[in-house]
Amino acid sequence: PTLEKVPVVVLSNNDGCVVSRSNEAKDLGIPMG
């Protein structure tokens, strides 16, 4: 729960690229993939 309001990205199986973003991460301009 401490991840609330924190910019978070979830990475692909091999930690290679972003497959999910929190709204905070989206606001930073981090694109999918």
PDB file of all heavy atoms in Angstrom:
ATOM      1  N   PRO A   1       0.799  -1.235   0.000  1.00  0.00           N
ATOM      2  CA  PRO A   1       0.000   0.000   0.000  1.00  0.00           C
ATOM      3  C   PRO A   1       0.831   1.285   0.000  1.00  0.00           C
ATOM      4  O   PRO A   1       0.307   2.353  -0.344  1.00  0.00           O
ATOM      5  CB  PRO A   1      -0.826  -0.113   1.290  1.00  0.00           C
ATOM      6  CG  PRO A   1      -0.870  -1.578   1.597  1.00  0.00           C
ATOM      7  CD  PRO A   1       0.448  -2.108   1.138  1.00  0.00           C
ATOM      8  N   THR A   2       2.122   1.202   0.377  1.00  0.00           N
ATOM      9  CA  THR A   2       2.963   2.407   0.369  1.00  0.00           C
ATOM     10  C   THR A   2       3.221   2.920  -1.040  1.00  0.00           C
ATOM     11  O   THR A   2       3.745   4.019  -1.223  1.00  0.00           O
ATOM     12  CB  THR A   2       4.312   2.150   1.074  1.00  0.00           C
ATOM     13  OG1 THR A   2       5.070   1.187   0.334  1.00  0.00           O
ATOM     14  CG2 THR A   2       4.098   1.641   2.495  1.00  0.00           C
ATOM     15  N   LEU A   3       2.865   2.127  -2.051  1.00  0.00           N
ATOM     16  CA  LEU A   3       3.060   2.541  -3.437  1.00  0.00           C
ATOM     17  C   LEU A   3       1.977   3.507  -3.928  1.00  0.00           C
ATOM     18  O   LEU A   3       2.074   4.040  -5.026  1.00  0.00           O
ATOM     19  CB  LEU A   3       3.097   1.315  -4.367  1.00  0.00           C
ATOM     20  CG  LEU A   3       4.264   0.344  -4.165  1.00  0.00           C
ATOM     21  CD1 LEU A   3       4.109  -0.871  -5.079  1.00  0.00           C
ATOM     22  CD2 LEU A   3       5.592   1.045  -4.444  1.00  0.00           C
ATOM     23  N   GLU A   4       0.934   3.712  -3.113  1.00  0.00           N
ATOM     24  CA  GLU A   4      -0.107   4.674  -3.482  1.00  0.00           C
ATOM     25  C   GLU A   4       0.515   6.060  -3.667  1.00  0.00           C
ATOM     26  O   GLU A   4       1.351   6.492  -2.871  1.00  0.00           O
ATOM     27  CB  GLU A   4      -1.193   4.739  -2.399  1.00  0.00           C
ATOM     28  CG  GLU A   4      -2.108   3.517  -2.353  1.00  0.00           C
ATOM     29  CD  GLU A   4      -3.039   3.429  -3.535  1.00  0.00           C
ATOM     30  OE1 GLU A   4      -3.230   4.441  -4.244  1.00  0.00           O
ATOM     31  OE2 GLU A   4      -3.592   2.324  -3.764  1.00  0.00           O
ATOM     32  N   LYS A   5       0.073   6.738  -4.735  1.00  0.00           N
ATOM     33  CA  LYS A   5       0.514   8.101  -5.076  1.00  0.00           C
ATOM     34  C   LYS A   5       1.981   8.158  -5.512  1.00  0.00           C
ATOM     35  O   LYS A   5       2.530   9.239  -5.725  1.00  0.00           O
ATOM     36  CB  LYS A   5       0.294   9.076  -3.913  1.00  0.00           C
ATOM     37  CG  LYS A   5      -1.130   9.071  -3.344  1.00  0.00           C
ATOM     38  CD  LYS A   5      -2.155   9.464  -4.383  1.00  0.00           C
ATOM     39  CE  LYS A   5      -3.548   9.491  -3.778  1.00  0.00           C
ATOM     40  NZ  LYS A   5      -4.587   9.820  -4.816  1.00  0.00           N
ATOM     41  N   VAL A   6       2.635   7.004  -5.632  1.00  0.00           N
ATOM     42  CA  VAL A   6       4.033   6.929  -6.067  1.00  0.00           C
ATOM     43  C   VAL A   6       4.068   6.551  -7.555  1.00  0.00           C
ATOM     44  O   VAL A   6       3.277   5.711  -7.979  1.00  0.00           O
ATOM     45  CB  VAL A   6       4.808   5.881  -5.239  1.00  0.00           C
ATOM     46  CG1 VAL A   6       6.225   5.691  -5.778  1.00  0.00           C
ATOM     47  CG2 VAL A   6       4.841   6.283  -3.773  1.00  0.00           C
ATOM     48  N   PRO A   7       4.948   7.168  -8.365  1.00  0.00           N
ATOM     49  CA  PRO A   7       5.072   6.720  -9.751  1.00  0.00           C
ATOM     50  C   PRO A   7       5.618   5.291  -9.808  1.00  0.00           C
ATOM     51  O   PRO A   7       6.709   5.015  -9.315  1.00  0.00           O
ATOM     52  CB  PRO A   7       6.046   7.726 -10.380  1.00  0.00           C
ATOM     53  CG  PRO A   7       6.775   8.348  -9.230  1.00  0.00           C
ATOM     54  CD  PRO A   7       5.835   8.321  -8.074  1.00  0.00           C
ATOM     55  N   VAL A   8       4.847   4.387 -10.375  1.00  0.00           N
ATOM     56  CA  VAL A   8       5.191   2.963 -10.416  1.00  0.00           C
ATOM     57  C   VAL A   8       5.111   2.464 -11.854  1.00  0.00           C
ATOM     58  O   VAL A   8       4.183   2.805 -12.589  1.00  0.00           O
ATOM     59  CB  VAL A   8       4.235   2.133  -9.537  1.00  0.00           C
ATOM     60  CG1 VAL A   8       4.603   0.643  -9.584  1.00  0.00           C
ATOM     61  CG2 VAL A   8       4.223   2.633  -8.106  1.00  0.00           C
ATOM     62  N   VAL A   9       6.093   1.660 -12.256  1.00  0.00           N
ATOM     63  CA  VAL A   9       6.020   0.965 -13.542  1.00  0.00           C
ATOM     64  C   VAL A   9       6.261  -0.519 -13.298  1.00  0.00           C
ATOM     65  O   VAL A   9       7.080  -0.903 -12.469  1.00  0.00           O
ATOM     66  CB  VAL A   9       7.033   1.507 -14.577  1.00  0.00           C
ATOM     67  CG1 VAL A   9       6.725   2.950 -14.930  1.00  0.00           C
ATOM     68  CG2 VAL A   9       8.467   1.372 -14.076  1.00  0.00           C
ATOM     69  N   VAL A  10       5.511  -1.336 -14.010  1.00  0.00           N
ATOM     70  CA  VAL A  10       5.702  -2.779 -13.992  1.00  0.00           C
ATOM     71  C   VAL A  10       6.396  -3.164 -15.294  1.00  0.00           C
ATOM     72  O   VAL A  10       6.038  -2.682 -16.369  1.00  0.00           O
ATOM     73  CB  VAL A  10       4.359  -3.518 -13.844  1.00  0.00           C
ATOM     74  CG1 VAL A  10       4.563  -5.032 -13.947  1.00  0.00           C
ATOM     75  CG2 VAL A  10       3.697  -3.163 -12.517  1.00  0.00           C
ATOM     76  N   LEU A  11       7.387  -4.038 -15.184  1.00  0.00           N
ATOM     77  CA  LEU A  11       8.221  -4.388 -16.314  1.00  0.00           C
ATOM     78  C   LEU A  11       7.827  -5.740 -16.906  1.00  0.00           C
ATOM     79  O   LEU A  11       7.185  -6.556 -16.252  1.00  0.00           O
ATOM     80  CB  LEU A  11       9.698  -4.399 -15.892  1.00  0.00           C
ATOM     81  CG  LEU A  11      10.191  -3.136 -15.170  1.00  0.00           C
ATOM     82  CD1 LEU A  11      11.654  -3.273 -14.802  1.00  0.00           C
ATOM     83  CD2 LEU A  11       9.959  -1.897 -16.022  1.00  0.00           C
ATOM     84  N   SER A  12       8.224  -5.972 -18.136  1.00  0.00           N
ATOM     85  CA  SER A  12       7.933  -7.211 -18.839  1.00  0.00           C
ATOM     86  C   SER A  12       8.636  -8.388 -18.179  1.00  0.00           C
ATOM     87  O   SER A  12       9.441  -8.236 -17.255  1.00  0.00           O
ATOM     88  CB  SER A  12       8.356  -7.095 -20.299  1.00  0.00           C
ATOM     89  OG  SER A  12       9.746  -6.785 -20.389  1.00  0.00           O
ATOM     90  N   ASN A  13       8.344  -9.601 -18.690  1.00  0.00           N
ATOM     91  CA  ASN A  13       8.873 -10.818 -18.081  1.00  0.00           C
ATOM     92  C   ASN A  13      10.367 -10.773 -17.802  1.00  0.00           C
ATOM     93  O   ASN A  13      10.833 -11.228 -16.772  1.00  0.00           O
ATOM     94  CB  ASN A  13       8.576 -12.022 -18.979  1.00  0.00           C
ATOM     95  CG  ASN A  13       7.180 -12.564 -18.745  1.00  0.00           C
ATOM     96  OD1 ASN A  13       6.625 -12.378 -17.675  1.00  0.00           O
ATOM     97  ND2 ASN A  13       6.610 -13.241 -19.712  1.00  0.00           N
ATOM     98  N   ASN A  14      11.113 -10.232 -18.728  1.00  0.00           N
ATOM     99  CA  ASN A  14      12.556 -10.178 -18.571  1.00  0.00           C
ATOM    100  C   ASN A  14      13.048  -8.814 -18.122  1.00  0.00           C
ATOM    101  O   ASN A  14      14.217  -8.467 -18.318  1.00  0.00           O
ATOM    102  CB  ASN A  14      13.250 -10.583 -19.878  1.00  0.00           C
ATOM    103  CG  ASN A  14      13.136 -12.068 -20.147  1.00  0.00           C
ATOM    104  OD1 ASN A  14      13.185 -12.870 -19.232  1.00  0.00           O
ATOM    105  ND2 ASN A  14      12.963 -12.440 -21.397  1.00  0.00           N
ATOM    106  N   ASP A  15      12.158  -8.049 -17.500  1.00  0.00           N
ATOM    107  CA  ASP A  15      12.496  -6.716 -16.993  1.00  0.00           C
ATOM    108  C   ASP A  15      13.022  -5.795 -18.082  1.00  0.00           C
ATOM    109  O   ASP A  15      13.805  -4.889 -17.808  1.00  0.00           O
ATOM    110  CB  ASP A  15      13.525  -6.808 -15.847  1.00  0.00           C
ATOM    111  CG  ASP A  15      12.977  -7.526 -14.626  1.00  0.00           C
ATOM    112  OD1 ASP A  15      11.737  -7.582 -14.475  1.00  0.00           O
ATOM    113  OD2 ASP A  15      13.788  -8.018 -13.811  1.00  0.00           O
ATOM    114  N   GLY A  16      12.575  -6.018 -19.315  1.00  0.00           N
ATOM    115  CA  GLY A  16      13.134  -5.263 -20.428  1.00  0.00           C
ATOM    116  C   GLY A  16      12.436  -3.949 -20.732  1.00  0.00           C
ATOM    117  O   GLY A  16      13.077  -2.973 -21.118  1.00  0.00           O
ATOM    118  N   CYS A  17      11.097  -3.929 -20.582  1.00  0.00           N
ATOM    119  CA  CYS A  17      10.360  -2.723 -20.946  1.00  0.00           C
ATOM    120  C   CYS A  17       9.116  -2.573 -20.069  1.00  0.00           C
ATOM    121  O   CYS A  17       8.691  -3.506 -19.383  1.00  0.00           O
ATOM    122  CB  CYS A  17       9.970  -2.752 -22.429  1.00  0.00           C
ATOM    123  SG  CYS A  17       8.935  -4.149 -22.899  1.00  0.00           S
ATOM    124  N   VAL A  18       8.529  -1.393 -20.110  1.00  0.00           N
ATOM    125  CA  VAL A  18       7.371  -1.050 -19.280  1.00  0.00           C
ATOM    126  C   VAL A  18       6.096  -1.639 -19.890  1.00  0.00           C
ATOM    127  O   VAL A  18       5.796  -1.416 -21.060  1.00  0.00           O
ATOM    128  CB  VAL A  18       7.242   0.476 -19.147  1.00  0.00           C
ATOM    129  CG1 VAL A  18       5.948   0.843 -18.415  1.00  0.00           C
ATOM    130  CG2 VAL A  18       8.456   1.055 -18.423  1.00  0.00           C
ATOM    131  N   VAL A  19       5.320  -2.385 -19.085  1.00  0.00           N
ATOM    132  CA  VAL A  19       4.058  -2.951 -19.557  1.00  0.00           C
ATOM    133  C   VAL A  19       2.854  -2.412 -18.792  1.00  0.00           C
ATOM    134  O   VAL A  19       1.713  -2.670 -19.167  1.00  0.00           O
ATOM    135  CB  VAL A  19       4.068  -4.495 -19.485  1.00  0.00           C
ATOM    136  CG1 VAL A  19       5.096  -5.080 -20.431  1.00  0.00           C
ATOM    137  CG2 VAL A  19       4.317  -4.999 -18.056  1.00  0.00           C
ATOM    138  N   SER A  20       3.095  -1.658 -17.709  1.00  0.00           N
ATOM    139  CA  SER A  20       1.998  -1.031 -16.982  1.00  0.00           C
ATOM    140  C   SER A  20       2.540   0.175 -16.231  1.00  0.00           C
ATOM    141  O   SER A  20       3.675   0.152 -15.740  1.00  0.00           O
ATOM    142  CB  SER A  20       1.349  -2.019 -16.007  1.00  0.00           C
ATOM    143  OG  SER A  20       0.219  -1.437 -15.342  1.00  0.00           O
ATOM    144  N   ARG A  21       1.722   1.245 -16.147  1.00  0.00           N
ATOM    145  CA  ARG A  21       2.158   2.495 -15.506  1.00  0.00           C
ATOM    146  C   ARG A  21       1.074   3.028 -14.588  1.00  0.00           C
ATOM    147  O   ARG A  21      -0.104   2.946 -14.913  1.00  0.00           O
ATOM    148  CB  ARG A  21       2.451   3.562 -16.574  1.00  0.00           C
ATOM    149  CG  ARG A  21       3.425   3.152 -17.660  1.00  0.00           C
ATOM    150  CD  ARG A  21       3.277   4.051 -18.884  1.00  0.00           C
ATOM    151  NE  ARG A  21       1.994   3.846 -19.527  1.00  0.00           N
ATOM    152  CZ  ARG A  21       1.435   4.698 -20.401  1.00  0.00           C
ATOM    153  NH1 ARG A  21       2.067   5.817 -20.702  1.00  0.00           N
ATOM    154  NH2 ARG A  21       0.256   4.426 -20.944  1.00  0.00           N
ATOM    155  N   SER A  22       1.474   3.558 -13.471  1.00  0.00           N
ATOM    156  CA  SER A  22       0.526   4.278 -12.635  1.00  0.00           C
ATOM    157  C   SER A  22       0.231   5.625 -13.282  1.00  0.00           C
ATOM    158  O   SER A  22       0.969   6.081 -14.170  1.00  0.00           O
ATOM    159  CB  SER A  22       1.098   4.474 -11.233  1.00  0.00           C
ATOM    160  OG  SER A  22       2.212   5.367 -11.272  1.00  0.00           O
ATOM    161  N   ASN A  23      -0.832   6.278 -12.837  1.00  0.00           N
ATOM    162  CA  ASN A  23      -1.151   7.608 -13.370  1.00  0.00           C
ATOM    163  C   ASN A  23      -0.006   8.586 -13.123  1.00  0.00           C
ATOM    164  O   ASN A  23       0.277   9.458 -13.953  1.00  0.00           O
ATOM    165  CB  ASN A  23      -2.435   8.137 -12.749  1.00  0.00           C
ATOM    166  CG  ASN A  23      -3.676   7.396 -13.253  1.00  0.00           C
ATOM    167  OD1 ASN A  23      -3.670   6.844 -14.351  1.00  0.00           O
ATOM    168  ND2 ASN A  23      -4.735   7.377 -12.445  1.00  0.00           N
ATOM    169  N   GLU A  24       0.661   8.440 -11.985  1.00  0.00           N
ATOM    170  CA  GLU A  24       1.790   9.310 -11.663  1.00  0.00           C
ATOM    171  C   GLU A  24       2.932   9.122 -12.654  1.00  0.00           C
ATOM    172  O   GLU A  24       3.613  10.070 -13.045  1.00  0.00           O
ATOM    173  CB  GLU A  24       2.285   9.046 -10.236  1.00  0.00           C
ATOM    174  CG  GLU A  24       1.275   9.379  -9.140  1.00  0.00           C
ATOM    175  CD  GLU A  24       0.224   8.304  -8.935  1.00  0.00           C
ATOM    176  OE1 GLU A  24       0.334   7.219  -9.565  1.00  0.00           O
ATOM    177  OE2 GLU A  24      -0.693   8.533  -8.134  1.00  0.00           O
ATOM    178  N   ALA A  25       3.155   7.871 -13.080  1.00  0.00           N
ATOM    179  CA  ALA A  25       4.195   7.582 -14.071  1.00  0.00           C
ATOM    180  C   ALA A  25       3.803   8.113 -15.442  1.00  0.00           C
ATOM    181  O   ALA A  25       4.641   8.616 -16.191  1.00  0.00           O
ATOM    182  CB  ALA A  25       4.459   6.078 -14.130  1.00  0.00           C
ATOM    183  N   LYS A  26       2.517   8.003 -15.771  1.00  0.00           N
ATOM    184  CA  LYS A  26       2.031   8.544 -17.045  1.00  0.00           C
ATOM    185  C   LYS A  26       2.236  10.050 -17.095  1.00  0.00           C
ATOM    186  O   LYS A  26       2.610  10.603 -18.131  1.00  0.00           O
ATOM    187  CB  LYS A  26       0.555   8.202 -17.239  1.00  0.00           C
ATOM    188  CG  LYS A  26       0.260   6.718 -17.407  1.00  0.00           C
ATOM    189  CD  LYS A  26      -1.243   6.463 -17.481  1.00  0.00           C
ATOM    190  CE  LYS A  26      -1.549   4.975 -17.568  1.00  0.00           C
ATOM    191  NZ  LYS A  26      -3.014   4.702 -17.567  1.00  0.00           N
ATOM    192  N   ASP A  27       1.984  10.720 -15.961  1.00  0.00           N
ATOM    193  CA  ASP A  27       2.149  12.179 -15.899  1.00  0.00           C
ATOM    194  C   ASP A  27       3.598  12.609 -16.106  1.00  0.00           C
ATOM    195  O   ASP A  27       3.855  13.738 -16.525  1.00  0.00           O
ATOM    196  CB  ASP A  27       1.640  12.707 -14.557  1.00  0.00           C
ATOM    197  CG  ASP A  27       0.128  12.585 -14.401  1.00  0.00           C
ATOM    198  OD1 ASP A  27      -0.568  12.441 -15.435  1.00  0.00           O
ATOM    199  OD2 ASP A  27      -0.366  12.614 -13.243  1.00  0.00           O
ATOM    200  N   LEU A  28       4.529  11.716 -15.829  1.00  0.00           N
ATOM    201  CA  LEU A  28       5.946  12.001 -16.057  1.00  0.00           C
ATOM    202  C   LEU A  28       6.345  11.829 -17.519  1.00  0.00           C
ATOM    203  O   LEU A  28       7.483  12.112 -17.897  1.00  0.00           O
ATOM    204  CB  LEU A  28       6.823  11.105 -15.180  1.00  0.00           C
ATOM    205  CG  LEU A  28       6.777  11.365 -13.664  1.00  0.00           C
ATOM    206  CD1 LEU A  28       7.534  10.263 -12.922  1.00  0.00           C
ATOM    207  CD2 LEU A  28       7.364  12.726 -13.337  1.00  0.00           C
ATOM    208  N   GLY A  29       5.396  11.337 -18.332  1.00  0.00           N
ATOM    209  CA  GLY A  29       5.671  11.164 -19.755  1.00  0.00           C
ATOM    210  C   GLY A  29       6.314   9.834 -20.104  1.00  0.00           C
ATOM    211  O   GLY A  29       6.847   9.675 -21.209  1.00  0.00           O
ATOM    212  N   ILE A  30       6.263   8.858 -19.194  1.00  0.00           N
ATOM    213  CA  ILE A  30       6.830   7.542 -19.472  1.00  0.00           C
ATOM    214  C   ILE A  30       5.886   6.792 -20.406  1.00  0.00           C
ATOM    215  O   ILE A  30       4.737   6.540 -20.057  1.00  0.00           O
ATOM    216  CB  ILE A  30       7.031   6.742 -18.170  1.00  0.00           C
ATOM    217  CG1 ILE A  30       7.969   7.501 -17.224  1.00  0.00           C
ATOM    218  CG2 ILE A  30       7.574   5.355 -18.464  1.00  0.00           C
ATOM    219  CD1 ILE A  30       8.020   6.918 -15.824  1.00  0.00           C
ATOM    220  N   PRO A  31       6.340   6.424 -21.611  1.00  0.00           N
ATOM    221  CA  PRO A  31       5.448   5.756 -22.556  1.00  0.00           C
ATOM    222  C   PRO A  31       5.332   4.257 -22.284  1.00  0.00           C
ATOM    223  O   PRO A  31       6.221   3.657 -21.678  1.00  0.00           O
ATOM    224  CB  PRO A  31       6.126   6.009 -23.912  1.00  0.00           C
ATOM    225  CG  PRO A  31       7.588   6.106 -23.584  1.00  0.00           C
ATOM    226  CD  PRO A  31       7.672   6.716 -22.199  1.00  0.00           C
ATOM    227  N   MET A  32       4.222   3.673 -22.724  1.00  0.00           N
ATOM    228  CA  MET A  32       4.083   2.232 -22.670  1.00  0.00           C
ATOM    229  C   MET A  32       5.141   1.595 -23.580  1.00  0.00           C
ATOM    230  O   MET A  32       5.393   2.057 -24.686  1.00  0.00           O
ATOM    231  CB  MET A  32       2.682   1.818 -23.121  1.00  0.00           C
ATOM    232  CG  MET A  32       2.406   0.329 -22.981  1.00  0.00           C
ATOM    233  SD  MET A  32       2.357  -0.184 -21.265  1.00  0.00           S
ATOM    234  CE  MET A  32       0.651   0.106 -20.917  1.00  0.00           C
ATOM    235  N   GLY A  33       5.769   0.524 -23.082  1.00  0.00           N
ATOM    236  CA  GLY A  33       6.807  -0.147 -23.856  1.00  0.00           C
ATOM    237  C   GLY A  33       8.178   0.484 -23.755  1.00  0.00           C
ATOM    238  O   GLY A  33       9.108   0.071 -24.455  1.00  0.00           O
TER     239      GLY A  33
END
